[in-house]
Amino acid sequence: MINILIADNHPIIRLGMSVVFESTEDFSLLDTVSHTEALFNALEKTNPDIVILELDIPEINGIAALRRLKRHYPNIKVLIYSAQPENVYALSCIKAGAYGYLPKTARIDQILTALHQISQGKIYLSSAIATTLKSDASKESENQIRFKKLSSREVEVLKLLSSGKKNKEVAEGLDINEKTVSTYKARLMKKLGVSNIVDLLQQARALELY
């Protein structure tokens, strides 16, 4: 039996997932939560094998929540389940410690396959993103190539900045100081080949980081 905990802000997602797991013999749904504070409270009381974590879950950025979860519960595997563009975020999530990434357009059989694979300690990516990763890099835009060189933490900072967060808010969300945020902004501008914050945010939006 594979024990599951769902962390997603959308009631319909939590309900739908619950129905799916109740109809299977391989999975046991331990709990469902709607925000990160509830997630970590639940983890103190339950011992899931896999957490299905929404990337845009409220309170703490999804990748930051993933890092915290992996730091305190290293044996728990995480499947990121997200409405955000797979080609933009999948690799960053894997780098941050996730065992898989699924878009919210995934079919039920894909979700179950991903969970089975992850429970065995394997990394799961959809066939679409796997094919994309194997494609010739020359087909990608210069910006996409640069973006893939960003660390998962740099992606977190860029995503929060592009959503309108100020340095202080980014620092609070990622539990770092404002000076570190400024350092990340400088690195991002250098790596993405821009000289000011306006151009940096334009690139982020072009890559659908909002």
N, C-alpha and C. Protein backbone atom coordinates (compact mmCIF):
# COMPACT_ATOMS: atom_id res chain seq x y z
N MET A 1 0.84 -1.20 0.00
CA MET A 1 0.00 0.00 0.00
C MET A 1 0.87 1.25 0.00
N ILE A 2 0.57 2.18 -0.89
CA ILE A 2 1.32 3.42 -1.01
C ILE A 2 0.51 4.53 -0.34
N ASN A 3 1.06 5.12 0.70
CA ASN A 3 0.37 6.16 1.45
C ASN A 3 0.59 7.54 0.82
N ILE A 4 -0.52 8.25 0.59
CA ILE A 4 -0.48 9.52 -0.15
C ILE A 4 -1.00 10.67 0.72
N LEU A 5 -0.37 11.84 0.57
CA LEU A 5 -0.89 13.08 1.17
C LEU A 5 -0.97 14.11 0.05
N ILE A 6 -2.11 14.78 -0.07
CA ILE A 6 -2.32 15.76 -1.14
C ILE A 6 -2.27 17.17 -0.57
N ALA A 7 -1.46 18.04 -1.18
CA ALA A 7 -1.39 19.45 -0.78
C ALA A 7 -1.72 20.30 -2.00
N ASP A 8 -2.96 20.77 -2.07
CA ASP A 8 -3.43 21.52 -3.23
C ASP A 8 -4.48 22.53 -2.80
N ASN A 9 -4.41 23.73 -3.35
CA ASN A 9 -5.30 24.81 -2.94
C ASN A 9 -6.72 24.67 -3.48
N HIS A 10 -6.93 23.82 -4.48
CA HIS A 10 -8.22 23.75 -5.15
C HIS A 10 -9.07 22.60 -4.61
N PRO A 11 -10.24 22.91 -4.03
CA PRO A 11 -11.11 21.87 -3.46
C PRO A 11 -11.48 20.78 -4.47
N ILE A 12 -11.72 21.16 -5.71
CA ILE A 12 -12.14 20.17 -6.71
C ILE A 12 -11.02 19.18 -7.01
N ILE A 13 -9.77 19.65 -6.94
CA ILE A 13 -8.63 18.76 -7.15
C ILE A 13 -8.54 17.77 -5.99
N ARG A 14 -8.65 18.29 -4.77
CA ARG A 14 -8.56 17.41 -3.60
C ARG A 14 -9.69 16.38 -3.61
N LEU A 15 -10.89 16.82 -3.95
CA LEU A 15 -12.03 15.91 -4.00
C LEU A 15 -11.84 14.87 -5.09
N GLY A 16 -11.44 15.32 -6.28
CA GLY A 16 -11.26 14.40 -7.39
C GLY A 16 -10.19 13.36 -7.10
N MET A 17 -9.08 13.80 -6.54
CA MET A 17 -8.01 12.86 -6.18
C MET A 17 -8.49 11.86 -5.13
N SER A 18 -9.25 12.36 -4.17
CA SER A 18 -9.76 11.47 -3.12
C SER A 18 -10.61 10.36 -3.70
N VAL A 19 -11.47 10.70 -4.65
CA VAL A 19 -12.33 9.71 -5.30
C VAL A 19 -11.48 8.68 -6.04
N VAL A 20 -10.45 9.15 -6.73
CA VAL A 20 -9.57 8.24 -7.48
C VAL A 20 -8.91 7.24 -6.54
N PHE A 21 -8.35 7.74 -5.43
CA PHE A 21 -7.62 6.84 -4.53
C PHE A 21 -8.54 5.90 -3.76
N GLU A 22 -9.75 6.33 -3.52
CA GLU A 22 -10.71 5.46 -2.85
C GLU A 22 -11.13 4.28 -3.73
N SER A 23 -10.96 4.45 -5.04
CA SER A 23 -11.36 3.40 -5.98
C SER A 23 -10.22 2.46 -6.34
N THR A 24 -9.05 2.65 -5.74
CA THR A 24 -7.91 1.79 -6.04
C THR A 24 -7.49 1.02 -4.80
N GLU A 25 -6.82 -0.10 -5.02
CA GLU A 25 -6.35 -0.91 -3.91
C GLU A 25 -4.89 -0.63 -3.57
N ASP A 26 -4.19 0.04 -4.45
CA ASP A 26 -2.75 0.25 -4.26
C ASP A 26 -2.42 1.47 -3.42
N PHE A 27 -3.40 2.38 -3.24
CA PHE A 27 -3.11 3.64 -2.58
C PHE A 27 -4.02 3.87 -1.38
N SER A 28 -3.47 4.53 -0.38
CA SER A 28 -4.24 4.94 0.79
C SER A 28 -4.04 6.44 0.98
N LEU A 29 -5.14 7.19 0.93
CA LEU A 29 -5.06 8.64 1.10
C LEU A 29 -5.11 8.98 2.59
N LEU A 30 -4.00 9.53 3.10
CA LEU A 30 -3.90 9.84 4.53
C LEU A 30 -4.55 11.16 4.89
N ASP A 31 -4.41 12.15 4.00
CA ASP A 31 -4.93 13.48 4.33
C ASP A 31 -4.89 14.36 3.09
N THR A 32 -5.67 15.44 3.10
CA THR A 32 -5.60 16.48 2.06
C THR A 32 -5.53 17.83 2.76
N VAL A 33 -4.68 18.72 2.25
CA VAL A 33 -4.52 20.05 2.85
C VAL A 33 -4.51 21.09 1.74
N SER A 34 -4.77 22.35 2.12
CA SER A 34 -4.91 23.40 1.12
C SER A 34 -3.80 24.45 1.13
N HIS A 35 -2.91 24.39 2.13
CA HIS A 35 -1.81 25.37 2.17
C HIS A 35 -0.63 24.76 2.92
N THR A 36 0.51 25.44 2.86
CA THR A 36 1.75 24.82 3.35
C THR A 36 1.79 24.67 4.87
N GLU A 37 1.20 25.60 5.61
CA GLU A 37 1.18 25.44 7.07
C GLU A 37 0.46 24.16 7.45
N ALA A 38 -0.67 23.92 6.79
CA ALA A 38 -1.43 22.70 7.04
C ALA A 38 -0.64 21.46 6.59
N LEU A 39 0.13 21.61 5.52
CA LEU A 39 0.94 20.50 5.03
C LEU A 39 1.93 20.04 6.09
N PHE A 40 2.68 21.00 6.65
CA PHE A 40 3.71 20.63 7.62
C PHE A 40 3.10 20.19 8.95
N ASN A 41 1.93 20.70 9.27
CA ASN A 41 1.22 20.19 10.45
C ASN A 41 0.81 18.74 10.24
N ALA A 42 0.35 18.44 9.04
CA ALA A 42 -0.07 17.07 8.72
C ALA A 42 1.12 16.12 8.73
N LEU A 43 2.27 16.59 8.27
CA LEU A 43 3.45 15.74 8.23
C LEU A 43 3.96 15.38 9.62
N GLU A 44 3.62 16.19 10.61
CA GLU A 44 3.99 15.87 11.98
C GLU A 44 3.15 14.72 12.54
N LYS A 45 1.99 14.48 11.91
CA LYS A 45 1.06 13.48 12.43
C LYS A 45 0.96 12.24 11.55
N THR A 46 1.35 12.37 10.28
CA THR A 46 1.22 11.24 9.35
C THR A 46 2.58 10.91 8.74
N ASN A 47 2.65 9.78 8.09
CA ASN A 47 3.90 9.35 7.48
C ASN A 47 3.65 8.89 6.04
N PRO A 48 3.38 9.82 5.13
CA PRO A 48 3.10 9.42 3.74
C PRO A 48 4.35 8.93 3.01
N ASP A 49 4.13 8.09 2.04
CA ASP A 49 5.23 7.69 1.16
C ASP A 49 5.47 8.77 0.11
N ILE A 50 4.36 9.38 -0.35
CA ILE A 50 4.44 10.39 -1.41
C ILE A 50 3.53 11.57 -1.07
N VAL A 51 4.03 12.77 -1.27
CA VAL A 51 3.22 13.97 -1.17
C VAL A 51 2.99 14.50 -2.58
N ILE A 52 1.73 14.70 -2.94
CA ILE A 52 1.39 15.34 -4.21
C ILE A 52 1.26 16.83 -3.91
N LEU A 53 2.19 17.62 -4.41
CA LEU A 53 2.31 19.02 -4.02
C LEU A 53 2.05 19.96 -5.19
N GLU A 54 1.11 20.86 -4.99
CA GLU A 54 0.82 21.89 -5.99
C GLU A 54 1.95 22.92 -6.01
N LEU A 55 2.42 23.28 -7.19
CA LEU A 55 3.52 24.23 -7.30
C LEU A 55 3.14 25.61 -6.78
N ASP A 56 1.89 26.03 -6.98
CA ASP A 56 1.45 27.36 -6.56
C ASP A 56 0.65 27.32 -5.27
N ILE A 57 0.94 26.38 -4.41
CA ILE A 57 0.22 26.28 -3.14
C ILE A 57 0.45 27.55 -2.31
N PRO A 58 -0.58 28.06 -1.62
CA PRO A 58 -0.45 29.32 -0.89
C PRO A 58 0.54 29.28 0.27
N GLU A 59 0.97 30.45 0.67
CA GLU A 59 1.83 30.76 1.81
C GLU A 59 3.31 30.65 1.48
N ILE A 60 3.76 29.52 1.01
CA ILE A 60 5.17 29.36 0.66
C ILE A 60 5.24 28.89 -0.79
N ASN A 61 6.13 29.51 -1.56
CA ASN A 61 6.34 29.07 -2.94
C ASN A 61 6.55 27.56 -2.97
N GLY A 62 5.96 26.91 -3.99
CA GLY A 62 5.99 25.46 -4.06
C GLY A 62 7.37 24.85 -4.01
N ILE A 63 8.34 25.44 -4.72
CA ILE A 63 9.69 24.89 -4.70
C ILE A 63 10.33 25.10 -3.34
N ALA A 64 10.04 26.24 -2.70
CA ALA A 64 10.55 26.49 -1.36
C ALA A 64 9.96 25.48 -0.37
N ALA A 65 8.67 25.19 -0.54
CA ALA A 65 8.03 24.18 0.31
C ALA A 65 8.65 22.81 0.08
N LEU A 66 8.95 22.52 -1.17
CA LEU A 66 9.61 21.26 -1.53
C LEU A 66 10.96 21.15 -0.84
N ARG A 67 11.75 22.21 -0.89
CA ARG A 67 13.07 22.20 -0.24
C ARG A 67 12.93 21.95 1.26
N ARG A 68 11.99 22.65 1.88
CA ARG A 68 11.78 22.48 3.33
C ARG A 68 11.34 21.06 3.65
N LEU A 69 10.45 20.54 2.84
CA LEU A 69 9.97 19.17 3.06
C LEU A 69 11.12 18.17 2.95
N LYS A 70 11.95 18.33 1.93
CA LYS A 70 13.06 17.40 1.73
C LYS A 70 14.10 17.53 2.84
N ARG A 71 14.23 18.74 3.38
CA ARG A 71 15.20 18.95 4.45
C ARG A 71 14.77 18.25 5.74
N HIS A 72 13.48 18.32 6.05
CA HIS A 72 12.98 17.76 7.31
C HIS A 72 12.46 16.34 7.18
N TYR A 73 12.04 15.97 5.95
CA TYR A 73 11.49 14.62 5.73
C TYR A 73 12.13 14.02 4.48
N PRO A 74 13.42 13.72 4.55
CA PRO A 74 14.16 13.29 3.35
C PRO A 74 13.67 11.99 2.72
N ASN A 75 12.96 11.18 3.48
CA ASN A 75 12.50 9.89 2.95
C ASN A 75 11.16 9.98 2.22
N ILE A 76 10.50 11.12 2.35
CA ILE A 76 9.21 11.29 1.67
C ILE A 76 9.45 11.77 0.25
N LYS A 77 8.83 11.11 -0.70
CA LYS A 77 8.97 11.47 -2.10
C LYS A 77 7.87 12.48 -2.48
N VAL A 78 8.19 13.36 -3.42
CA VAL A 78 7.25 14.42 -3.79
C VAL A 78 6.98 14.38 -5.29
N LEU A 79 5.69 14.43 -5.63
CA LEU A 79 5.25 14.59 -7.02
C LEU A 79 4.66 15.99 -7.14
N ILE A 80 5.25 16.83 -7.97
CA ILE A 80 4.71 18.16 -8.22
C ILE A 80 3.58 18.04 -9.23
N TYR A 81 2.44 18.62 -8.87
CA TYR A 81 1.24 18.57 -9.72
C TYR A 81 0.85 20.02 -9.99
N SER A 82 1.00 20.47 -11.23
CA SER A 82 0.97 21.91 -11.44
C SER A 82 0.28 22.34 -12.73
N ALA A 83 -0.29 23.55 -12.66
CA ALA A 83 -0.86 24.18 -13.85
C ALA A 83 0.18 25.02 -14.57
N GLN A 84 1.37 25.15 -13.99
CA GLN A 84 2.44 25.94 -14.60
C GLN A 84 3.07 25.16 -15.76
N PRO A 85 3.69 25.87 -16.72
CA PRO A 85 4.25 25.21 -17.90
C PRO A 85 5.29 24.14 -17.54
N GLU A 86 5.06 22.95 -18.01
CA GLU A 86 5.94 21.83 -17.69
C GLU A 86 7.35 22.05 -18.21
N ASN A 87 7.47 22.59 -19.43
CA ASN A 87 8.80 22.76 -20.02
C ASN A 87 9.62 23.81 -19.28
N VAL A 88 8.95 24.66 -18.50
CA VAL A 88 9.66 25.69 -17.73
C VAL A 88 10.06 25.19 -16.35
N TYR A 89 9.16 24.46 -15.68
CA TYR A 89 9.38 24.16 -14.27
C TYR A 89 9.81 22.73 -13.94
N ALA A 90 9.61 21.79 -14.83
CA ALA A 90 9.86 20.39 -14.48
C ALA A 90 11.28 20.15 -14.00
N LEU A 91 12.25 20.61 -14.77
CA LEU A 91 13.64 20.36 -14.39
C LEU A 91 14.01 21.06 -13.09
N SER A 92 13.52 22.27 -12.88
CA SER A 92 13.81 23.00 -11.65
C SER A 92 13.28 22.24 -10.44
N CYS A 93 12.10 21.66 -10.58
CA CYS A 93 11.51 20.89 -9.47
C CYS A 93 12.31 19.62 -9.20
N ILE A 94 12.74 18.96 -10.25
CA ILE A 94 13.55 17.75 -10.08
C ILE A 94 14.86 18.10 -9.40
N LYS A 95 15.48 19.19 -9.83
CA LYS A 95 16.74 19.64 -9.21
C LYS A 95 16.55 19.94 -7.73
N ALA A 96 15.36 20.43 -7.37
CA ALA A 96 15.09 20.80 -5.98
C ALA A 96 14.72 19.60 -5.12
N GLY A 97 14.58 18.42 -5.73
CA GLY A 97 14.32 17.22 -4.95
C GLY A 97 13.05 16.47 -5.24
N ALA A 98 12.23 16.96 -6.18
CA ALA A 98 11.01 16.24 -6.53
C ALA A 98 11.34 14.96 -7.30
N TYR A 99 10.47 13.98 -7.16
CA TYR A 99 10.66 12.72 -7.90
C TYR A 99 9.86 12.72 -9.20
N GLY A 100 9.01 13.73 -9.38
CA GLY A 100 8.24 13.77 -10.61
C GLY A 100 7.50 15.08 -10.76
N TYR A 101 7.04 15.33 -11.97
CA TYR A 101 6.30 16.56 -12.29
C TYR A 101 5.19 16.19 -13.27
N LEU A 102 3.97 16.56 -12.92
CA LEU A 102 2.83 16.29 -13.80
C LEU A 102 2.01 17.57 -13.98
N PRO A 103 1.61 17.87 -15.20
CA PRO A 103 0.69 19.00 -15.42
C PRO A 103 -0.70 18.61 -14.98
N LYS A 104 -1.53 19.59 -14.66
CA LYS A 104 -2.88 19.29 -14.20
C LYS A 104 -3.80 18.86 -15.34
N THR A 105 -3.27 18.80 -16.52
CA THR A 105 -4.02 18.25 -17.66
C THR A 105 -3.80 16.74 -17.79
N ALA A 106 -2.99 16.17 -16.90
CA ALA A 106 -2.67 14.74 -16.99
C ALA A 106 -3.90 13.87 -16.75
N ARG A 107 -3.95 12.73 -17.45
CA ARG A 107 -5.04 11.77 -17.27
C ARG A 107 -4.85 11.01 -15.94
N ILE A 108 -5.90 10.39 -15.47
CA ILE A 108 -5.84 9.63 -14.23
C ILE A 108 -4.81 8.51 -14.32
N ASP A 109 -4.78 7.82 -15.46
CA ASP A 109 -3.83 6.72 -15.60
C ASP A 109 -2.38 7.22 -15.55
N GLN A 110 -2.13 8.45 -16.03
CA GLN A 110 -0.79 9.02 -15.94
C GLN A 110 -0.41 9.31 -14.50
N ILE A 111 -1.38 9.81 -13.73
CA ILE A 111 -1.13 10.10 -12.32
C ILE A 111 -0.78 8.81 -11.57
N LEU A 112 -1.55 7.77 -11.80
CA LEU A 112 -1.30 6.50 -11.11
C LEU A 112 0.03 5.89 -11.53
N THR A 113 0.34 5.99 -12.82
CA THR A 113 1.62 5.48 -13.31
C THR A 113 2.78 6.23 -12.66
N ALA A 114 2.64 7.56 -12.59
CA ALA A 114 3.68 8.38 -11.97
C ALA A 114 3.89 7.98 -10.51
N LEU A 115 2.81 7.78 -9.79
CA LEU A 115 2.92 7.43 -8.37
C LEU A 115 3.55 6.06 -8.17
N HIS A 116 3.19 5.10 -9.00
CA HIS A 116 3.81 3.78 -8.92
C HIS A 116 5.31 3.87 -9.18
N GLN A 117 5.68 4.64 -10.19
CA GLN A 117 7.08 4.76 -10.56
C GLN A 117 7.88 5.47 -9.46
N ILE A 118 7.30 6.53 -8.93
CA ILE A 118 7.96 7.28 -7.86
C ILE A 118 8.11 6.43 -6.61
N SER A 119 7.10 5.61 -6.30
CA SER A 119 7.17 4.77 -5.11
C SER A 119 8.33 3.78 -5.18
N GLN A 120 8.78 3.49 -6.40
CA GLN A 120 9.91 2.59 -6.61
C GLN A 120 11.25 3.33 -6.63
N GLY A 121 11.19 4.65 -6.35
CA GLY A 121 12.42 5.44 -6.31
C GLY A 121 12.88 5.95 -7.65
N LYS A 122 11.98 5.90 -8.65
CA LYS A 122 12.34 6.36 -9.99
C LYS A 122 11.80 7.76 -10.24
N ILE A 123 12.49 8.50 -11.10
CA ILE A 123 12.04 9.83 -11.48
C ILE A 123 10.98 9.70 -12.57
N TYR A 124 9.89 10.48 -12.43
CA TYR A 124 8.84 10.45 -13.46
C TYR A 124 8.70 11.81 -14.12
N LEU A 125 8.77 11.79 -15.45
CA LEU A 125 8.44 12.96 -16.27
C LEU A 125 7.51 12.48 -17.38
N SER A 126 6.56 13.30 -17.77
CA SER A 126 5.65 12.90 -18.83
C SER A 126 6.41 12.66 -20.13
N SER A 127 5.83 11.88 -21.01
CA SER A 127 6.49 11.59 -22.28
C SER A 127 6.72 12.86 -23.08
N ALA A 128 5.82 13.82 -22.93
CA ALA A 128 5.97 15.07 -23.68
C ALA A 128 7.21 15.83 -23.27
N ILE A 129 7.45 15.97 -21.97
CA ILE A 129 8.62 16.70 -21.51
C ILE A 129 9.88 15.88 -21.74
N ALA A 130 9.78 14.57 -21.60
CA ALA A 130 10.95 13.72 -21.85
C ALA A 130 11.40 13.86 -23.30
N THR A 131 10.44 13.91 -24.22
CA THR A 131 10.76 14.09 -25.63
C THR A 131 11.41 15.45 -25.87
N THR A 132 10.86 16.46 -25.20
CA THR A 132 11.40 17.81 -25.34
C THR A 132 12.84 17.86 -24.87
N LEU A 133 13.12 17.20 -23.75
CA LEU A 133 14.47 17.23 -23.19
C LEU A 133 15.48 16.53 -24.10
N LYS A 134 14.99 15.56 -24.86
CA LYS A 134 15.87 14.83 -25.76
C LYS A 134 16.06 15.52 -27.10
N SER A 135 15.24 16.52 -27.37
CA SER A 135 15.32 17.20 -28.66
C SER A 135 16.59 18.00 -28.78
N ASP A 136 16.93 18.33 -29.98
CA ASP A 136 18.15 19.08 -30.26
C ASP A 136 18.05 20.48 -29.67
N ALA A 137 19.05 20.85 -28.87
CA ALA A 137 19.04 22.16 -28.22
C ALA A 137 19.03 23.30 -29.23
N SER A 138 19.48 23.03 -30.45
CA SER A 138 19.51 24.08 -31.47
C SER A 138 18.11 24.54 -31.85
N LYS A 139 17.09 23.76 -31.52
CA LYS A 139 15.72 24.12 -31.84
C LYS A 139 15.15 25.08 -30.80
N GLU A 140 15.85 25.25 -29.70
CA GLU A 140 15.36 26.11 -28.65
C GLU A 140 15.81 27.54 -28.89
N SER A 141 15.05 28.47 -28.32
CA SER A 141 15.45 29.86 -28.42
C SER A 141 16.64 30.10 -27.51
N GLU A 142 17.35 31.18 -27.77
CA GLU A 142 18.50 31.53 -26.94
C GLU A 142 18.07 31.72 -25.49
N ASN A 143 16.92 32.35 -25.28
CA ASN A 143 16.43 32.58 -23.93
C ASN A 143 16.14 31.27 -23.19
N GLN A 144 15.55 30.30 -23.89
CA GLN A 144 15.24 29.02 -23.27
C GLN A 144 16.51 28.29 -22.86
N ILE A 145 17.53 28.38 -23.71
CA ILE A 145 18.81 27.74 -23.40
C ILE A 145 19.42 28.39 -22.16
N ARG A 146 19.36 29.71 -22.10
CA ARG A 146 19.88 30.41 -20.93
C ARG A 146 19.09 30.04 -19.67
N PHE A 147 17.78 29.94 -19.83
CA PHE A 147 16.92 29.65 -18.69
C PHE A 147 17.26 28.29 -18.08
N LYS A 148 17.57 27.31 -18.91
CA LYS A 148 17.89 25.98 -18.41
C LYS A 148 19.16 25.95 -17.58
N LYS A 149 19.97 27.01 -17.70
CA LYS A 149 21.21 27.08 -16.92
C LYS A 149 20.98 27.67 -15.54
N LEU A 150 19.78 28.15 -15.28
CA LEU A 150 19.48 28.72 -13.97
C LEU A 150 19.34 27.62 -12.92
N SER A 151 19.78 27.93 -11.71
CA SER A 151 19.57 26.99 -10.61
C SER A 151 18.11 27.03 -10.19
N SER A 152 17.68 26.03 -9.44
CA SER A 152 16.29 25.99 -8.98
C SER A 152 15.99 27.18 -8.07
N ARG A 153 16.96 27.61 -7.28
CA ARG A 153 16.75 28.78 -6.42
C ARG A 153 16.61 30.05 -7.24
N GLU A 154 17.39 30.17 -8.30
CA GLU A 154 17.27 31.33 -9.18
C GLU A 154 15.90 31.37 -9.86
N VAL A 155 15.39 30.21 -10.21
CA VAL A 155 14.05 30.13 -10.80
C VAL A 155 13.00 30.59 -9.79
N GLU A 156 13.16 30.18 -8.54
CA GLU A 156 12.22 30.60 -7.49
C GLU A 156 12.20 32.12 -7.37
N VAL A 157 13.39 32.72 -7.31
CA VAL A 157 13.49 34.17 -7.16
C VAL A 157 12.87 34.87 -8.36
N LEU A 158 13.17 34.39 -9.55
CA LEU A 158 12.65 35.00 -10.77
C LEU A 158 11.14 34.90 -10.83
N LYS A 159 10.60 33.75 -10.43
CA LYS A 159 9.15 33.57 -10.45
C LYS A 159 8.46 34.54 -9.49
N LEU A 160 9.01 34.69 -8.30
CA LEU A 160 8.41 35.59 -7.32
C LEU A 160 8.51 37.05 -7.78
N LEU A 161 9.64 37.41 -8.33
CA LEU A 161 9.80 38.78 -8.85
C LEU A 161 8.81 39.05 -9.97
N SER A 162 8.64 38.08 -10.86
CA SER A 162 7.75 38.27 -12.01
C SER A 162 6.29 38.32 -11.60
N SER A 163 5.99 37.81 -10.41
CA SER A 163 4.61 37.87 -9.91
C SER A 163 4.33 39.18 -9.18
N GLY A 164 5.33 40.06 -9.15
CA GLY A 164 5.14 41.38 -8.55
C GLY A 164 5.65 41.53 -7.13
N LYS A 165 6.34 40.52 -6.62
CA LYS A 165 6.86 40.59 -5.26
C LYS A 165 8.06 41.54 -5.18
N LYS A 166 8.14 42.28 -4.09
CA LYS A 166 9.29 43.14 -3.82
C LYS A 166 10.40 42.30 -3.18
N ASN A 167 11.62 42.89 -3.14
CA ASN A 167 12.76 42.15 -2.57
C ASN A 167 12.46 41.61 -1.17
N LYS A 168 11.83 42.43 -0.33
CA LYS A 168 11.53 42.01 1.03
C LYS A 168 10.57 40.83 1.04
N GLU A 169 9.58 40.87 0.17
CA GLU A 169 8.60 39.78 0.11
C GLU A 169 9.22 38.50 -0.41
N VAL A 170 10.12 38.64 -1.39
CA VAL A 170 10.84 37.47 -1.91
C VAL A 170 11.69 36.86 -0.80
N ALA A 171 12.39 37.73 -0.06
CA ALA A 171 13.24 37.27 1.03
C ALA A 171 12.43 36.52 2.08
N GLU A 172 11.28 37.07 2.44
CA GLU A 172 10.42 36.42 3.44
C GLU A 172 9.88 35.09 2.93
N GLY A 173 9.49 35.06 1.65
CA GLY A 173 8.93 33.85 1.08
C GLY A 173 9.92 32.70 0.98
N LEU A 174 11.19 33.05 0.76
CA LEU A 174 12.22 32.02 0.59
C LEU A 174 13.10 31.86 1.83
N ASP A 175 12.80 32.64 2.88
CA ASP A 175 13.56 32.58 4.13
C ASP A 175 15.04 32.90 3.90
N ILE A 176 15.28 33.97 3.15
CA ILE A 176 16.64 34.47 2.94
C ILE A 176 16.62 35.97 3.21
N ASN A 177 17.79 36.62 3.24
CA ASN A 177 17.79 38.06 3.50
C ASN A 177 17.71 38.86 2.20
N GLU A 178 17.38 40.14 2.33
CA GLU A 178 17.18 40.98 1.15
C GLU A 178 18.46 41.14 0.34
N LYS A 179 19.60 41.17 1.01
CA LYS A 179 20.87 41.29 0.29
C LYS A 179 21.08 40.09 -0.63
N THR A 180 20.69 38.92 -0.16
CA THR A 180 20.81 37.71 -0.99
C THR A 180 19.90 37.79 -2.20
N VAL A 181 18.70 38.35 -2.01
CA VAL A 181 17.78 38.52 -3.14
C VAL A 181 18.42 39.43 -4.19
N SER A 182 19.04 40.51 -3.75
CA SER A 182 19.71 41.42 -4.68
C SER A 182 20.83 40.72 -5.44
N THR A 183 21.54 39.84 -4.74
CA THR A 183 22.61 39.07 -5.38
C THR A 183 22.03 38.15 -6.46
N TYR A 184 20.91 37.51 -6.14
CA TYR A 184 20.26 36.63 -7.11
C TYR A 184 19.78 37.42 -8.33
N LYS A 185 19.24 38.61 -8.10
CA LYS A 185 18.79 39.45 -9.21
C LYS A 185 19.94 39.78 -10.14
N ALA A 186 21.10 40.11 -9.57
CA ALA A 186 22.28 40.42 -10.38
C ALA A 186 22.71 39.20 -11.19
N ARG A 187 22.69 38.03 -10.56
CA ARG A 187 23.06 36.80 -11.27
C ARG A 187 22.08 36.51 -12.41
N LEU A 188 20.79 36.70 -12.12
CA LEU A 188 19.76 36.45 -13.12
C LEU A 188 19.94 37.35 -14.33
N MET A 189 20.19 38.63 -14.09
CA MET A 189 20.37 39.56 -15.21
C MET A 189 21.58 39.18 -16.05
N LYS A 190 22.64 38.74 -15.38
CA LYS A 190 23.85 38.33 -16.11
C LYS A 190 23.58 37.06 -16.93
N LYS A 191 22.95 36.07 -16.31
CA LYS A 191 22.70 34.80 -16.98
C LYS A 191 21.70 34.93 -18.14
N LEU A 192 20.72 35.83 -17.97
CA LEU A 192 19.71 35.99 -19.01
C LEU A 192 20.04 37.12 -19.99
N GLY A 193 21.20 37.73 -19.82
CA GLY A 193 21.69 38.70 -20.79
C GLY A 193 20.92 40.00 -20.83
N VAL A 194 20.47 40.48 -19.66
CA VAL A 194 19.76 41.76 -19.60
C VAL A 194 20.50 42.68 -18.63
N SER A 195 20.19 43.98 -18.72
CA SER A 195 20.92 44.95 -17.91
C SER A 195 20.04 45.67 -16.89
N ASN A 196 18.73 45.39 -16.88
CA ASN A 196 17.85 46.05 -15.93
C ASN A 196 16.69 45.14 -15.55
N ILE A 197 16.02 45.50 -14.47
CA ILE A 197 14.95 44.65 -13.92
C ILE A 197 13.75 44.58 -14.85
N VAL A 198 13.48 45.66 -15.61
CA VAL A 198 12.35 45.65 -16.53
C VAL A 198 12.53 44.58 -17.60
N ASP A 199 13.71 44.54 -18.21
CA ASP A 199 13.99 43.53 -19.23
C ASP A 199 13.99 42.13 -18.63
N LEU A 200 14.47 42.03 -17.39
CA LEU A 200 14.48 40.73 -16.71
C LEU A 200 13.05 40.20 -16.55
N LEU A 201 12.15 41.06 -16.12
CA LEU A 201 10.76 40.64 -15.92
C LEU A 201 10.05 40.37 -17.24
N GLN A 202 10.43 41.10 -18.29
CA GLN A 202 9.86 40.83 -19.61
C GLN A 202 10.25 39.45 -20.08
N GLN A 203 11.50 39.07 -19.85
CA GLN A 203 11.95 37.73 -20.23
C GLN A 203 11.21 36.66 -19.41
N ALA A 204 11.01 36.96 -18.13
CA ALA A 204 10.30 36.01 -17.28
C ALA A 204 8.89 35.79 -17.79
N ARG A 205 8.24 36.86 -18.19
CA ARG A 205 6.87 36.74 -18.69
C ARG A 205 6.84 36.04 -20.05
N ALA A 206 7.86 36.27 -20.86
CA ALA A 206 7.94 35.58 -22.15
C ALA A 206 8.09 34.08 -21.96
N LEU A 207 8.71 33.70 -20.85
CA LEU A 207 8.88 32.29 -20.53
C LEU A 207 7.72 31.76 -19.70
N GLU A 208 6.68 32.59 -19.55
CA GLU A 208 5.46 32.22 -18.82
C GLU A 208 5.72 32.03 -17.33
N LEU A 209 6.64 32.81 -16.76
CA LEU A 209 6.92 32.74 -15.33
C LEU A 209 6.05 33.72 -14.57
N TYR A 210 4.77 33.48 -14.54
CA TYR A 210 3.86 34.38 -13.82
C TYR A 210 2.69 33.59 -13.29
